[in-house]
Amino acid sequence: MSTQPLILIVDDDAELGSMLVELLGREGWQTHQVLTGADGEQALANQQPEVVLLDVMLPDANGMELCRRWRASHPLLGLVMLTARGDPMDRVLGLEIGADDYLAKPFEPRELVARVRALLRRGGMPVRSAPVLRFAGLQIDLVRREVLADTRLVVLTGAEFKLLVALAEHPGQPLSREQLSAAVQAGPYRPQDRTVDVQIARLRRKLREASPGTEWVDTVRGEGYVFAPRG
């Protein structure tokens, strides 16, 4: 059985898919290409890929809805959205519903490879000195990618989880929007300040709903955001 990572390509553009198969194959990665959402569902269940490259607009499915569903059922899956639409709010939506990354077509092939490589590194990284970050009333499992606030499970998107980890690994230390952007997205693309603010606002709301009366993330004027643990 091969130990090479498997990348699933779900895109109805057969020509682009063939190019991706060749590109990713040169990196030593296995690939499987499908043209519809239904075939993507079947391949995801049967082949268990490490990373999925998912087109937003498919002939039989909405890529955003597939992303939301696949993230819920496969929390460790690397999900990269591919789209012909470059609207910044589309990027925000894609990241908010669970995508790890978002690339607008046409994209630079080397950039795609770099982002896939970053996701594969993340998937094989359980060797951290502290696989679980624990604070009074909050627990962040870096391997399972689970967050418990006062024993309640907090369901976060990939972007929100990365933001929380980046902040929680530096408690009491303000992090700039630029630093947080780098933590959220691999590769040269960096989300706009507004994107980070939107993601932080949603993260705060989810944590607040799980542990009412507690603010885990504070705004530091002119600097960015800071994780403020209890006690």
Protein backbone atom coordinates (compact mmCIF):
# COMPACT_ATOMS: atom_id res chain seq x y z
CA MET A 1 0.00 0.00 0.00
CA SER A 2 1.38 3.41 -1.02
CA THR A 3 2.31 5.89 1.66
CA GLN A 4 2.16 8.83 -0.73
CA PRO A 5 -0.45 11.47 0.16
CA LEU A 6 -3.63 11.35 -1.92
CA ILE A 7 -5.06 14.58 -3.34
CA LEU A 8 -8.68 14.46 -4.54
CA ILE A 9 -9.53 16.92 -7.35
CA VAL A 10 -13.24 17.74 -7.68
CA ASP A 11 -13.64 20.06 -10.67
CA ASP A 12 -15.77 19.81 -13.82
CA ASP A 13 -12.99 21.41 -15.89
CA ALA A 14 -11.39 18.21 -17.22
CA GLU A 15 -8.49 20.07 -18.80
CA LEU A 16 -7.62 21.87 -15.56
CA GLY A 17 -7.97 18.61 -13.66
CA SER A 18 -5.52 16.86 -15.99
CA MET A 19 -3.04 19.71 -15.51
CA LEU A 20 -3.39 19.37 -11.73
CA VAL A 21 -2.89 15.60 -11.90
CA GLU A 22 0.38 16.13 -13.76
CA LEU A 23 1.49 19.02 -11.54
CA LEU A 24 0.82 17.23 -8.25
CA GLY A 25 2.19 13.95 -9.58
CA ARG A 26 5.56 15.63 -10.14
CA GLU A 27 5.63 16.28 -6.38
CA GLY A 28 5.32 12.54 -5.72
CA TRP A 29 1.68 12.78 -4.61
CA GLN A 30 -1.13 10.47 -5.68
CA THR A 31 -4.15 12.11 -7.28
CA HIS A 32 -7.71 11.15 -8.09
CA GLN A 33 -9.77 13.33 -10.42
CA VAL A 34 -13.58 13.51 -10.57
CA LEU A 35 -15.87 15.90 -12.41
CA THR A 36 -18.98 15.99 -10.21
CA GLY A 37 -19.92 16.50 -6.59
CA ALA A 38 -21.55 13.06 -6.42
CA ASP A 39 -18.36 11.36 -7.58
CA GLY A 40 -16.44 13.52 -5.12
CA GLU A 41 -18.65 12.28 -2.25
CA GLN A 42 -17.99 8.69 -3.24
CA ALA A 43 -14.24 9.19 -3.66
CA LEU A 44 -14.00 10.98 -0.32
CA ALA A 45 -15.71 8.07 1.44
CA ASN A 46 -13.85 5.29 -0.37
CA GLN A 47 -10.34 6.69 -0.80
CA GLN A 48 -9.92 8.94 2.26
CA PRO A 49 -7.68 11.63 0.71
CA GLU A 50 -5.51 13.92 2.81
CA VAL A 51 -6.41 17.02 0.77
CA VAL A 52 -9.34 17.93 -1.50
CA LEU A 53 -9.18 20.59 -4.22
CA LEU A 54 -12.84 21.55 -4.58
CA ASP A 55 -14.39 23.73 -7.29
CA VAL A 56 -17.06 26.14 -6.07
CA MET A 57 -19.31 25.68 -9.12
CA LEU A 58 -20.05 22.07 -10.05
CA PRO A 59 -22.70 20.81 -12.49
CA ASP A 60 -24.60 18.84 -9.85
CA ALA A 61 -23.69 20.51 -6.55
CA ASN A 62 -22.79 23.72 -4.76
CA GLY A 63 -19.12 23.55 -3.79
CA MET A 64 -19.67 25.77 -0.75
CA GLU A 65 -22.33 23.40 0.59
CA LEU A 66 -20.08 20.40 -0.05
CA CYS A 67 -17.27 22.16 1.79
CA ARG A 68 -19.51 22.83 4.79
CA ARG A 69 -20.69 19.21 4.90
CA TRP A 70 -17.27 17.65 4.35
CA ARG A 71 -15.68 19.82 7.01
CA ALA A 72 -18.29 18.70 9.54
CA SER A 73 -17.77 15.01 8.76
CA HIS A 74 -13.98 15.12 8.19
CA PRO A 75 -12.47 17.68 10.59
CA LEU A 76 -8.85 16.80 9.72
CA LEU A 77 -9.31 16.95 5.94
CA GLY A 78 -7.34 19.62 4.07
CA LEU A 79 -9.85 21.61 1.98
CA VAL A 80 -8.83 24.07 -0.74
CA MET A 81 -11.59 25.88 -2.63
CA LEU A 82 -10.99 26.68 -6.31
CA THR A 83 -13.15 29.34 -7.94
CA ALA A 84 -13.38 31.57 -10.97
CA ARG A 85 -14.86 34.24 -8.70
CA GLY A 86 -12.29 36.45 -7.02
CA ASP A 87 -14.63 38.54 -4.87
CA PRO A 88 -13.04 39.08 -1.41
CA MET A 89 -16.34 38.24 0.31
CA ASP A 90 -16.38 34.89 -1.49
CA ARG A 91 -12.97 34.25 0.08
CA VAL A 92 -14.39 35.18 3.48
CA LEU A 93 -17.37 32.86 3.01
CA GLY A 94 -15.19 29.98 1.84
CA LEU A 95 -12.91 30.25 4.86
CA GLU A 96 -15.82 30.74 7.25
CA ILE A 97 -17.62 27.56 6.18
CA GLY A 98 -14.55 25.41 6.75
CA ALA A 99 -12.11 25.74 3.86
CA ASP A 100 -8.44 25.82 4.86
CA ASP A 101 -7.48 27.79 1.79
CA TYR A 102 -9.03 29.54 -1.20
CA LEU A 103 -7.57 30.08 -4.66
CA ALA A 104 -9.07 32.14 -7.47
CA LYS A 105 -8.58 30.88 -11.04
CA PRO A 106 -6.31 31.30 -12.86
CA PHE A 107 -3.73 30.61 -10.16
CA GLU A 108 0.03 30.20 -10.19
CA PRO A 109 0.79 26.44 -10.17
CA ARG A 110 3.71 26.85 -7.75
CA GLU A 111 1.40 28.67 -5.33
CA LEU A 112 -1.08 25.79 -5.37
CA VAL A 113 1.72 23.30 -4.72
CA ALA A 114 2.99 25.40 -1.80
CA ARG A 115 -0.46 25.55 -0.22
CA VAL A 116 -1.07 21.82 -0.62
CA ARG A 117 2.35 21.11 0.88
CA ALA A 118 1.52 23.34 3.87
CA LEU A 119 -1.72 21.40 4.46
CA LEU A 120 0.07 18.06 4.23
CA ARG A 121 2.65 19.25 6.77
CA ARG A 122 -0.18 20.25 9.07
CA GLY A 123 -1.81 16.85 8.71
CA GLY A 124 1.35 15.06 9.81
CA MET A 125 2.33 17.37 12.58
CA PRO A 126 1.12 15.78 15.81
CA VAL A 127 4.66 16.07 17.10
CA ARG A 128 4.20 19.25 19.03
CA SER A 129 5.51 19.61 22.53
CA ALA A 130 1.99 20.41 23.73
CA PRO A 131 -0.71 18.65 21.65
CA VAL A 132 -3.35 20.16 23.94
CA LEU A 133 -3.39 23.78 25.11
CA ARG A 134 -5.19 24.02 28.45
CA PHE A 135 -6.46 27.12 30.22
CA ALA A 136 -9.00 27.61 32.98
CA GLY A 137 -12.30 26.96 31.21
CA LEU A 138 -10.80 26.34 27.76
CA GLN A 139 -9.08 23.37 26.12
CA ILE A 140 -7.66 23.33 22.57
CA ASP A 141 -6.71 19.94 21.13
CA LEU A 142 -4.19 20.57 18.33
CA VAL A 143 -4.32 17.01 16.98
CA ARG A 144 -8.09 16.49 16.95
CA ARG A 145 -8.66 20.17 16.17
CA GLU A 146 -11.30 20.35 18.89
CA VAL A 147 -12.08 23.19 21.28
CA LEU A 148 -13.90 22.80 24.58
CA ALA A 149 -15.13 25.87 26.46
CA ASP A 150 -16.48 25.02 29.91
CA THR A 151 -16.88 21.39 28.70
CA ARG A 152 -18.95 22.51 25.68
CA LEU A 153 -17.67 21.67 22.20
CA VAL A 154 -17.07 24.81 20.11
CA VAL A 155 -17.49 24.11 16.40
CA LEU A 156 -14.99 26.28 14.52
CA THR A 157 -14.09 26.62 10.86
CA GLY A 158 -10.53 25.88 9.79
CA ALA A 159 -9.69 29.58 9.72
CA GLU A 160 -11.20 30.24 13.15
CA PHE A 161 -9.31 27.32 14.68
CA LYS A 162 -6.01 28.56 13.25
CA LEU A 163 -6.66 32.05 14.61
CA LEU A 164 -7.46 30.72 18.07
CA VAL A 165 -4.34 28.53 18.14
CA ALA A 166 -2.12 31.40 16.97
CA LEU A 167 -3.48 33.62 19.74
CA ALA A 168 -3.53 30.94 22.46
CA GLU A 169 0.09 29.99 21.81
CA HIS A 170 1.02 33.56 22.79
CA PRO A 171 -1.28 34.39 25.74
CA GLY A 172 -1.12 38.04 26.76
CA GLN A 173 0.93 38.95 23.65
CA PRO A 174 -0.85 41.10 21.04
CA LEU A 175 -0.67 39.75 17.50
CA SER A 176 -1.07 42.05 14.50
CA ARG A 177 -3.56 41.42 11.72
CA GLU A 178 -0.61 40.63 9.47
CA GLN A 179 0.63 37.94 11.87
CA LEU A 180 -2.86 36.46 12.16
CA SER A 181 -3.30 36.52 8.38
CA ALA A 182 -0.08 34.53 8.01
CA ALA A 183 -1.35 32.00 10.56
CA VAL A 184 -4.62 31.54 8.67
CA GLN A 185 -3.42 31.18 5.11
CA ALA A 186 -0.38 29.52 3.59
CA GLY A 187 1.30 30.96 0.51
CA PRO A 188 1.80 34.56 -0.57
CA TYR A 189 -1.88 35.53 -0.53
CA ARG A 190 -2.85 37.34 2.65
CA PRO A 191 -6.47 38.07 3.63
CA GLN A 192 -7.43 41.72 3.93
CA ASP A 193 -7.63 43.27 7.39
CA ARG A 194 -11.41 43.19 7.09
CA THR A 195 -11.32 39.41 6.54
CA VAL A 196 -9.33 38.86 9.74
CA ASP A 197 -11.69 41.16 11.66
CA VAL A 198 -14.73 39.21 10.42
CA GLN A 199 -13.15 35.89 11.40
CA ILE A 200 -12.16 37.19 14.84
CA ALA A 201 -15.69 38.50 15.40
CA ARG A 202 -17.17 35.09 14.58
CA LEU A 203 -14.60 33.33 16.77
CA ARG A 204 -15.44 35.61 19.68
CA ARG A 205 -19.18 35.03 19.23
CA LYS A 206 -18.80 31.24 19.23
CA LEU A 207 -16.59 31.27 22.33
CA ARG A 208 -18.99 33.66 24.07
CA GLU A 209 -21.96 31.41 23.30
CA ALA A 210 -20.12 28.41 24.75
CA SER A 211 -18.97 30.25 27.90
CA PRO A 212 -21.29 33.24 28.49
CA GLY A 213 -19.75 36.22 30.22
CA THR A 214 -16.21 35.34 29.20
CA GLU A 215 -14.16 37.20 26.59
CA TRP A 216 -11.18 35.16 25.45
CA VAL A 217 -9.96 37.52 22.74
CA ASP A 218 -9.44 41.25 23.32
CA THR A 219 -8.75 44.04 20.86
CA VAL A 220 -5.53 45.99 21.40
CA ARG A 221 -5.90 49.35 19.73
CA GLY A 222 -3.27 49.99 17.08
CA GLU A 223 -1.73 46.53 17.53
CA GLY A 224 -4.29 43.82 16.78
CA TYR A 225 -5.73 41.12 19.03
CA VAL A 226 -4.63 39.28 22.17
CA PHE A 227 -5.65 36.05 23.87
CA ALA A 228 -6.65 36.78 27.46
CA PRO A 229 -7.01 33.57 29.52
CA ARG A 230 -8.88 33.57 32.81
CA GLY A 231 -7.00 33.97 36.01
